[in-house]
Protein backbone atom coordinates (compact mmCIF):
# COMPACT_ATOMS: atom_id res chain seq x y z
CA UNK A 1 -8.73 -32.39 -51.39
CA UNK A 2 -10.14 -31.44 -47.99
CA UNK A 3 -9.49 -33.97 -45.25
CA UNK A 4 -12.39 -35.58 -43.49
CA UNK A 5 -12.57 -34.49 -39.88
CA UNK A 6 -11.17 -37.17 -37.61
CA UNK A 7 -12.26 -38.03 -34.09
CA UNK A 8 -9.09 -39.81 -33.02
CA UNK A 9 -6.19 -37.85 -31.59
CA UNK A 10 -3.26 -38.49 -29.25
CA UNK A 11 -4.23 -38.79 -25.60
CA UNK A 12 -2.91 -36.23 -23.15
CA UNK A 13 -1.78 -37.83 -19.95
CA UNK A 14 -0.62 -41.34 -19.28
CA UNK A 15 -2.08 -44.72 -18.57
CA UNK A 16 -5.13 -46.66 -19.63
CA UNK A 17 -7.57 -44.25 -18.05
CA UNK A 18 -6.32 -41.12 -19.86
CA UNK A 19 -9.17 -38.92 -21.06
CA UNK A 20 -9.17 -37.47 -24.56
CA UNK A 21 -9.99 -33.84 -23.80
CA UNK A 22 -10.99 -31.25 -26.39
CA UNK A 23 -8.11 -29.33 -27.94
CA UNK A 24 -8.21 -25.63 -26.99
CA UNK A 25 -8.28 -23.50 -30.16
CA UNK A 26 -7.65 -19.78 -29.74
CA UNK A 27 -8.80 -17.70 -32.72
CA UNK A 28 -7.02 -14.36 -33.08
CA UNK A 29 -8.75 -11.61 -35.09
CA UNK A 30 -8.39 -7.86 -35.36
CA UNK A 31 -12.06 -6.92 -34.94
CA UNK A 32 -15.65 -8.16 -34.92
CA UNK A 33 -16.71 -6.01 -37.86
CA UNK A 34 -18.72 -7.93 -40.46
CA UNK A 35 -15.97 -8.20 -43.08
CA UNK A 36 -15.53 -11.41 -45.04
CA UNK A 37 -12.34 -12.60 -43.34
CA UNK A 38 -13.71 -11.79 -39.90
CA UNK A 39 -16.90 -13.70 -40.65
CA UNK A 40 -14.94 -16.76 -41.77
CA UNK A 41 -12.90 -16.68 -38.56
CA UNK A 42 -15.87 -16.23 -36.24
CA UNK A 43 -18.24 -18.64 -37.99
CA UNK A 44 -15.50 -21.26 -38.08
CA UNK A 45 -14.86 -20.88 -34.34
CA UNK A 46 -18.59 -21.17 -33.64
CA UNK A 47 -18.96 -24.31 -35.77
CA UNK A 48 -16.15 -26.41 -34.28
CA UNK A 49 -17.11 -29.80 -32.87
CA UNK A 50 -17.16 -29.13 -29.10
CA UNK A 51 -16.44 -32.76 -28.29
CA UNK A 52 -13.11 -32.36 -30.07
CA UNK A 53 -12.24 -28.64 -29.81
CA UNK A 54 -12.65 -25.92 -27.22
CA UNK A 55 -12.86 -22.51 -28.97
CA UNK A 56 -11.95 -19.12 -27.55
CA UNK A 57 -11.74 -15.91 -29.61
CA UNK A 58 -9.32 -13.08 -28.84
CA UNK A 59 -10.17 -9.77 -30.54
CA UNK A 60 -7.19 -7.45 -30.49
CA UNK A 61 -8.98 -4.23 -31.45
CA UNK A 62 -12.68 -3.46 -31.67
CA UNK A 63 -16.14 -4.84 -31.09
CA UNK A 64 -18.70 -5.24 -33.87
CA UNK A 65 -21.85 -7.00 -35.07
CA UNK A 66 -20.17 -10.43 -35.22
CA UNK A 67 -20.20 -10.47 -31.42
CA UNK A 68 -23.80 -11.71 -31.57
CA UNK A 69 -22.66 -14.88 -33.36
CA UNK A 70 -20.27 -15.65 -30.49
CA UNK A 71 -22.98 -14.97 -27.92
CA UNK A 72 -25.49 -17.19 -29.72
CA UNK A 73 -22.99 -20.04 -30.05
CA UNK A 74 -21.77 -19.62 -26.44
CA UNK A 75 -18.17 -19.18 -27.59
CA UNK A 76 -16.06 -17.28 -25.03
CA UNK A 77 -14.21 -14.21 -26.29
CA UNK A 78 -11.87 -11.52 -25.00
CA UNK A 79 -11.74 -7.94 -26.29
CA UNK A 80 -8.24 -6.48 -25.85
CA UNK A 81 -9.07 -3.02 -27.27
CA UNK A 82 -5.50 -2.29 -28.30
CA UNK A 83 -4.97 1.19 -29.70
CA UNK A 84 -1.53 0.86 -31.29
CA UNK A 85 0.18 -1.59 -33.63
CA UNK A 86 1.98 -3.02 -30.61
CA UNK A 87 0.21 -2.47 -27.31
CA UNK A 88 2.21 -4.07 -24.48
CA UNK A 89 -0.76 -4.26 -22.11
CA UNK A 90 -2.90 -6.02 -24.71
CA UNK A 91 -0.05 -8.33 -25.68
CA UNK A 92 0.56 -9.42 -22.10
CA UNK A 93 -3.09 -10.26 -21.63
CA UNK A 94 -3.19 -12.25 -24.87
CA UNK A 95 0.01 -14.07 -23.89
CA UNK A 96 -1.45 -15.16 -20.55
CA UNK A 97 -4.61 -16.49 -22.16
CA UNK A 98 -2.77 -18.41 -24.88
CA UNK A 99 -0.01 -19.75 -22.62
CA UNK A 100 -2.68 -21.17 -20.30
CA UNK A 101 -3.78 -23.53 -23.10
CA UNK A 102 -0.34 -25.04 -23.65
CA UNK A 103 -0.64 -27.81 -21.07
CA UNK A 104 -3.87 -28.95 -22.77
CA UNK A 105 -2.27 -28.96 -26.24
CA UNK A 106 -3.72 -25.65 -27.36
CA UNK A 107 -3.52 -24.28 -30.92
CA UNK A 108 -3.43 -20.62 -31.99
CA UNK A 109 -5.24 -19.81 -35.26
CA UNK A 110 -4.77 -16.25 -36.55
CA UNK A 111 -6.59 -14.57 -39.45
CA UNK A 112 -5.24 -11.81 -41.76
CA UNK A 113 -1.75 -10.40 -41.98
CA UNK A 114 -1.75 -8.09 -38.94
CA UNK A 115 -3.04 -10.78 -36.59
CA UNK A 116 -0.70 -13.33 -38.16
CA UNK A 117 2.29 -11.13 -37.31
CA UNK A 118 1.06 -10.72 -33.74
CA UNK A 119 0.38 -14.45 -33.47
CA UNK A 120 3.91 -15.37 -34.55
CA UNK A 121 5.24 -13.62 -31.45
CA UNK A 122 2.51 -14.97 -29.17
CA UNK A 123 3.05 -18.55 -30.37
CA UNK A 124 6.78 -18.22 -29.67
CA UNK A 125 6.38 -16.90 -26.15
CA UNK A 126 3.43 -19.13 -25.22
CA UNK A 127 4.92 -22.28 -26.74
CA UNK A 128 1.85 -23.31 -28.74
CA UNK A 129 1.57 -24.39 -32.39
CA UNK A 130 0.43 -21.74 -34.85
CA UNK A 131 -1.92 -21.88 -37.83
CA UNK A 132 -2.19 -18.66 -39.87
CA UNK A 133 -4.90 -17.85 -42.38
CA UNK A 134 -4.44 -15.53 -45.36
CA UNK A 135 -7.60 -14.18 -46.99
CA UNK A 136 -6.33 -11.62 -49.47
CA UNK A 137 -3.42 -9.73 -50.96
CA UNK A 138 -3.16 -6.23 -52.34
CA UNK A 139 -2.66 -5.91 -56.07
CA UNK A 140 0.49 -3.95 -55.23
CA UNK A 141 3.15 -6.29 -53.82
CA UNK A 142 4.78 -5.14 -50.59
CA UNK A 143 8.44 -5.99 -50.04
CA UNK A 144 8.07 -5.46 -46.29
CA UNK A 145 5.11 -7.80 -46.10
CA UNK A 146 7.01 -10.41 -48.11
CA UNK A 147 9.89 -10.25 -45.66
CA UNK A 148 7.59 -10.51 -42.63
CA UNK A 149 5.72 -13.44 -44.18
CA UNK A 150 8.92 -15.31 -44.96
CA UNK A 151 11.20 -14.48 -42.05
CA UNK A 152 8.79 -13.93 -39.18
CA UNK A 153 5.40 -15.62 -39.66
CA UNK A 154 6.47 -18.69 -41.66
CA UNK A 155 9.34 -19.49 -39.29
CA UNK A 156 6.82 -20.09 -36.49
CA UNK A 157 3.70 -21.33 -38.32
CA UNK A 158 2.95 -25.03 -38.62
CA UNK A 159 0.51 -24.31 -41.45
CA UNK A 160 -0.29 -21.33 -43.69
CA UNK A 161 -3.88 -21.61 -44.89
CA UNK A 162 -4.95 -19.72 -48.03
CA UNK A 163 -8.49 -19.18 -49.28
CA UNK A 164 -7.58 -19.65 -52.95
CA UNK A 165 -4.81 -20.83 -55.24
CA UNK A 166 -4.05 -17.21 -56.13
CA UNK A 167 -3.37 -16.35 -52.47
CA UNK A 168 -1.27 -19.51 -52.07
CA UNK A 169 0.78 -18.54 -55.13
CA UNK A 170 1.61 -15.19 -53.54
CA UNK A 171 2.64 -16.86 -50.28
CA UNK A 172 4.98 -19.21 -52.11
CA UNK A 173 6.39 -16.35 -54.19
CA UNK A 174 7.06 -14.51 -50.90
CA UNK A 175 9.34 -17.38 -49.93
CA UNK A 176 6.98 -19.24 -47.61
CA UNK A 177 7.94 -22.94 -47.83
CA UNK A 178 5.51 -24.89 -50.02
CA UNK A 179 5.21 -27.62 -47.37
CA UNK A 180 3.48 -25.11 -45.05
CA UNK A 181 0.99 -23.75 -47.58
CA UNK A 182 -2.44 -25.33 -47.87
CA UNK A 183 -5.49 -24.08 -49.77
CA UNK A 184 -8.71 -24.13 -47.74
CA UNK A 185 -11.44 -22.55 -49.87
CA UNK A 186 -14.01 -20.48 -48.03
CA UNK A 187 -17.34 -22.19 -47.60
CA UNK A 188 -20.92 -21.00 -47.08
CA UNK A 189 -24.15 -22.56 -45.88
CA UNK A 190 -26.35 -23.63 -48.76
CA UNK A 191 -29.62 -22.82 -47.01
CA UNK A 192 -28.74 -19.48 -45.39
CA UNK A 193 -30.69 -17.18 -47.73
CA UNK A 194 -34.23 -16.07 -47.00
CA UNK A 195 -36.81 -16.21 -49.81
CA UNK A 196 -36.43 -13.33 -52.25
CA UNK A 197 -39.64 -11.56 -51.27
CA UNK A 198 -38.76 -11.60 -47.56
CA UNK A 199 -35.21 -10.38 -48.21
CA UNK A 200 -36.45 -7.54 -50.45
CA UNK A 201 -38.95 -6.48 -47.83
CA UNK A 202 -36.26 -6.48 -45.14
CA UNK A 203 -34.11 -4.16 -47.31
CA UNK A 204 -37.11 -2.03 -48.37
CA UNK A 205 -36.37 -2.60 -52.06
CA UNK A 206 -38.72 -1.96 -54.97
CA UNK A 207 -40.53 -5.28 -55.55
CA UNK A 208 -41.00 -4.46 -59.24
CA UNK A 209 -37.40 -3.45 -60.03
CA UNK A 210 -34.44 -5.46 -61.29
CA UNK A 211 -32.16 -5.39 -58.23
CA UNK A 212 -28.39 -5.31 -58.60
CA UNK A 213 -26.70 -5.99 -55.28
CA UNK A 214 -23.19 -5.56 -53.91
CA UNK A 215 -22.09 -6.66 -50.43
CA UNK A 216 -18.82 -5.44 -48.96
CA UNK A 217 -17.11 -2.88 -46.78
CA UNK A 218 -16.90 0.56 -48.39
CA UNK A 219 -13.14 0.53 -48.81
CA UNK A 220 -11.03 1.60 -51.81
CA UNK A 221 -10.13 -1.93 -52.95
CA UNK A 222 -13.83 -2.83 -53.32
CA UNK A 223 -14.12 -0.22 -56.11
CA UNK A 224 -17.80 0.61 -55.64
CA UNK A 225 -17.35 3.58 -57.96
CA UNK A 226 -17.02 1.15 -60.87
CA UNK A 227 -20.48 -0.23 -60.22
CA UNK A 228 -21.99 3.22 -59.68
CA UNK A 229 -20.73 4.26 -63.12
CA UNK A 230 -22.07 1.05 -64.66
CA UNK A 231 -25.50 1.78 -63.17
CA UNK A 232 -25.37 5.30 -64.57
CA UNK A 233 -24.69 3.81 -68.02
CA UNK A 234 -27.63 1.41 -67.66
CA UNK A 235 -30.13 4.02 -66.48
CA UNK A 236 -29.34 7.06 -68.62
CA UNK A 237 -29.30 8.02 -72.27
CA UNK A 238 -30.29 6.02 -75.32
CA UNK A 239 -28.41 2.92 -74.09
CA UNK A 240 -30.42 2.60 -70.88
CA UNK A 241 -32.23 -0.63 -70.12
CA UNK A 242 -36.00 -0.52 -70.33
CA UNK A 243 -36.76 -2.00 -66.92
CA UNK A 244 -36.76 -0.31 -63.51
CA UNK A 245 -33.27 -0.75 -62.05
CA UNK A 246 -32.20 -0.40 -58.44
CA UNK A 247 -28.73 -0.83 -56.94
CA UNK A 248 -28.59 -2.06 -53.34
CA UNK A 249 -25.30 -1.43 -51.51
CA UNK A 250 -24.91 -3.54 -48.37
CA UNK A 251 -22.00 -2.45 -46.20
CA UNK A 252 -20.45 0.57 -44.56
CA UNK A 253 -17.00 2.03 -44.26
CA UNK A 254 -14.76 5.04 -44.72
CA UNK A 255 -15.89 5.80 -48.31
CA UNK A 256 -19.61 6.16 -47.52
CA UNK A 257 -19.80 9.94 -47.99
CA UNK A 258 -17.47 9.93 -51.00
CA UNK A 259 -19.54 7.28 -52.79
CA UNK A 260 -22.82 8.99 -51.94
CA UNK A 261 -21.45 12.19 -53.48
CA UNK A 262 -20.44 10.30 -56.63
CA UNK A 263 -23.92 8.76 -56.94
CA UNK A 264 -25.41 12.25 -56.71
CA UNK A 265 -22.98 13.66 -59.27
CA UNK A 266 -23.81 10.78 -61.64
CA UNK A 267 -27.51 11.57 -61.28
CA UNK A 268 -28.45 8.12 -59.96
CA UNK A 269 -29.55 8.92 -56.40
CA UNK A 270 -33.03 7.55 -57.06
CA UNK A 271 -31.56 4.24 -58.23
CA UNK A 272 -29.34 3.58 -55.19
CA UNK A 273 -30.42 2.06 -51.86
CA UNK A 274 -27.85 2.27 -49.07
CA UNK A 275 -28.51 -0.68 -46.76
CA UNK A 276 -25.61 -0.12 -44.37
CA UNK A 277 -23.62 -2.80 -42.60
CA UNK A 278 -25.54 -6.01 -42.00
CA UNK A 279 -24.38 -8.92 -39.89
CA UNK A 280 -27.07 -11.03 -41.60
CA UNK A 281 -25.89 -10.36 -45.16
CA UNK A 282 -25.96 -14.07 -46.06
CA UNK A 283 -29.69 -14.23 -45.37
CA UNK A 284 -30.36 -11.32 -47.74
CA UNK A 285 -28.52 -12.59 -50.83
CA UNK A 286 -31.67 -13.73 -52.64
CA UNK A 287 -33.00 -10.15 -52.62
CA UNK A 288 -30.91 -9.49 -55.74
CA UNK A 289 -31.56 -10.39 -59.37
CA UNK A 290 -27.83 -10.08 -60.00
CA UNK A 291 -24.87 -9.64 -57.65
CA UNK A 292 -21.60 -7.84 -58.34
CA UNK A 293 -18.04 -8.02 -57.00
CA UNK A 294 -16.08 -5.22 -58.69
CA UNK A 295 -12.96 -5.22 -56.49
CA UNK A 296 -9.47 -4.35 -57.66
CA UNK A 297 -8.23 -7.44 -55.80
CA UNK A 298 -9.77 -10.32 -53.88
CA UNK A 299 -8.97 -13.69 -52.38
CA UNK A 300 -12.23 -15.63 -52.37
CA UNK A 301 -14.98 -13.29 -51.13
CA UNK A 302 -17.83 -14.69 -49.05
CA UNK A 303 -20.26 -12.32 -50.75
CA UNK A 304 -19.60 -14.06 -54.07
CA UNK A 305 -20.17 -17.52 -52.60
CA UNK A 306 -23.33 -16.45 -50.77
CA UNK A 307 -24.89 -14.91 -53.88
CA UNK A 308 -24.20 -18.06 -55.88
CA UNK A 309 -25.52 -20.30 -53.09
CA UNK A 310 -28.74 -18.26 -53.15
CA UNK A 311 -29.14 -18.89 -56.88
CA UNK A 312 -28.23 -15.33 -57.87
CA UNK A 313 -26.05 -14.82 -60.98
CA UNK A 314 -22.75 -13.12 -60.21
CA UNK A 315 -20.72 -10.59 -62.21
CA UNK A 316 -17.21 -10.29 -60.82
CA UNK A 317 -13.78 -8.81 -61.47
CA UNK A 318 -11.26 -11.13 -63.07
CA UNK A 319 -9.01 -11.13 -59.97
CA UNK A 320 -7.82 -13.50 -57.25
CA UNK A 321 -9.78 -16.71 -56.89
CA UNK A 322 -12.82 -15.43 -58.81
CA UNK A 323 -11.87 -16.75 -62.29
CA UNK A 324 -11.59 -20.27 -60.86
CA UNK A 325 -14.83 -19.89 -58.95
CA UNK A 326 -16.77 -18.70 -62.01
CA UNK A 327 -15.16 -20.98 -64.60
CA UNK A 328 -17.45 -22.93 -66.89
CA UNK A 329 -20.30 -20.45 -66.85
CA UNK A 330 -20.80 -20.31 -63.06
CA UNK A 331 -20.72 -16.52 -63.32
CA UNK A 332 -19.66 -13.67 -65.58
CA UNK A 333 -16.20 -12.11 -65.42
CA UNK A 334 -15.51 -8.44 -66.11
CA UNK A 335 -12.36 -6.35 -66.40
CA UNK A 336 -11.31 -4.73 -63.10
CA UNK A 337 -11.82 -0.98 -63.09
CA UNK A 338 -13.74 -0.87 -66.40
CA UNK A 339 -17.35 0.08 -65.68
CA UNK A 340 -18.40 -0.51 -69.29
CA UNK A 341 -17.61 -4.24 -69.02
CA UNK A 342 -19.71 -4.51 -65.88
CA UNK A 343 -22.53 -2.63 -67.56
CA UNK A 344 -22.39 -4.98 -70.57
CA UNK A 345 -22.45 -8.08 -68.35
CA UNK A 346 -25.40 -6.77 -66.35
CA UNK A 347 -27.24 -5.75 -69.53
CA UNK A 348 -26.96 -9.32 -70.83
CA UNK A 349 -28.40 -10.71 -67.61
CA UNK A 350 -31.22 -8.16 -67.57
CA UNK A 351 -32.25 -8.73 -71.17
CA UNK A 352 -31.85 -12.51 -71.42
CA UNK A 353 -33.89 -14.44 -68.85
CA UNK A 354 -32.59 -17.82 -70.01
CA UNK A 355 -28.98 -16.67 -69.74
CA UNK A 356 -29.67 -15.39 -66.25
CA UNK A 357 -31.24 -18.69 -65.17
CA UNK A 358 -28.39 -20.77 -66.63
CA UNK A 359 -25.70 -18.72 -64.90
CA UNK A 360 -27.60 -18.88 -61.60
CA UNK A 361 -28.07 -22.66 -61.75
CA UNK A 362 -24.45 -23.31 -62.70
CA UNK A 363 -23.22 -21.06 -59.90
CA UNK A 364 -25.41 -22.78 -57.32
CA UNK A 365 -24.10 -26.16 -58.46
CA UNK A 366 -20.51 -24.95 -58.10
CA UNK A 367 -21.11 -24.01 -54.45
CA UNK A 368 -22.83 -27.30 -53.68
CA UNK A 369 -19.97 -29.33 -55.10
CA UNK A 370 -16.94 -27.43 -53.81
CA UNK A 371 -17.62 -24.51 -51.46
CA UNK A 372 -19.96 -25.71 -48.72
CA UNK A 373 -19.49 -24.52 -45.15
CA UNK A 374 -19.44 -28.08 -43.78
CA UNK A 375 -16.62 -28.97 -46.16
CA UNK A 376 -14.52 -26.00 -44.99
CA UNK A 377 -15.07 -26.78 -41.28
CA UNK A 378 -14.16 -30.45 -41.76
CA UNK A 379 -11.00 -29.47 -43.63
CA UNK A 380 -9.84 -27.12 -40.87
CA UNK A 381 -10.67 -29.59 -38.10
CA UNK A 382 -8.51 -32.18 -39.86
CA UNK A 383 -5.64 -29.67 -39.97
CA UNK A 384 -6.02 -28.97 -36.25
CA UNK A 385 -5.76 -32.71 -35.55
CA UNK A 386 -2.58 -33.00 -37.62
CA UNK A 387 -0.96 -29.91 -36.10
CA UNK A 388 -1.82 -31.03 -32.58
CA UNK A 389 -0.47 -34.55 -33.13
CA UNK A 390 2.77 -33.26 -34.67
CA UNK A 391 3.33 -30.73 -31.90
CA UNK A 392 2.68 -33.29 -29.18
CA UNK A 393 5.10 -35.73 -30.81
CA UNK A 394 7.78 -33.04 -30.91
CA UNK A 395 7.17 -32.14 -27.27
CA UNK A 396 7.47 -35.79 -26.28
CA UNK A 397 10.72 -36.10 -28.23
CA UNK A 398 12.16 -32.97 -26.59
CA UNK A 399 11.25 -34.20 -23.10
CA UNK A 400 12.77 -37.59 -23.82
CA UNK A 401 15.96 -36.00 -25.15
CA UNK A 402 16.21 -33.68 -22.15
CA UNK A 403 15.75 -36.61 -19.77
CA UNK A 404 18.35 -38.81 -21.50
CA UNK A 405 21.53 -37.21 -19.98
CA UNK A 406 20.12 -37.65 -16.46
CA UNK A 407 19.30 -41.27 -17.19
CA UNK A 408 22.81 -41.87 -18.57
CA UNK A 409 24.30 -40.35 -15.42
CA UNK A 410 22.20 -42.60 -13.20
CA UNK A 411 23.20 -45.67 -15.23
CA UNK A 412 26.90 -44.73 -14.92
CA UNK A 413 26.59 -44.32 -11.16
């Protein structure tokens, strides 16, 4: 169960007049692109209680649309613009920034494997406690990643946060000690979505069509080709549905041209709207009559939670944390990589209004009860309090132990 956020914490300093200052929290991310993991990291940093925590975001690589969230929330950030896996100039700058927070009890919170590996070194050299956050795992296990998780990251981290039980299971199977692993489900705001008509107008969608939507970076693991083939099945031949159908693809990435070519080859150009990358994707979720996640692997995707929060029925691959999320009729599961199962699930939603309404209502209820944004923030803030208190206690013990020989020598004299 998530912890309630707590206002009490150990005082830094000595004496009756010691001031309880906010804990510096440095968030380490690879980029400010509008991917799900990046959005969790940035939105979490922006939402921290400023009376208790002092956020700062370090971006090791590139800029992106999420920068506007930091600007709006007045959260300071540093762009390192590193160009290699290990860039000494960028590392030195990050080290200086993180080490400067040590005296104030700073915490380093890294997101995704690459940043977690970087953070393990930075936490060692800067002497600050480390929280790492895992959002996903490839369907193909990596022996090298397992070794790095177990022997490098876990040996420094005070906590390994996982977005779902499936991700936590992989961490434990990699040899990460169970005492470090904690599941913190992603959370979304329940009132983020615009009304359907406004969202459809913003995306220039056909107001009279049944809109199938997918939100996600155009990368191989997201398997957009599966949905394109399902749409071809639903719009062509004797088995086509007898309602206007439009697919809206929100996101951009390296497969844009390849997927556009596939849509043309399938003969569905007129049914596909390419919306591009949108930083405001959460506000647009209600534009869809049905949402799809057809990935080969996932942790707990924000796009799924946002569609359900907007009251949109979800069809999703049976991977990662999605079966748990959609259990009990909160959504419809389909077989990864099999376009026909996605087509069948969408057909049922299109043709049965009552079924569609029931799935939507159950999904919305699931988000309200378990996956709210406030719940996630409170959970993480509680972890920060625990990590800070434990680290300060250890520092106090080390200082006391280091001072003891000198005291013994004075007593002997």
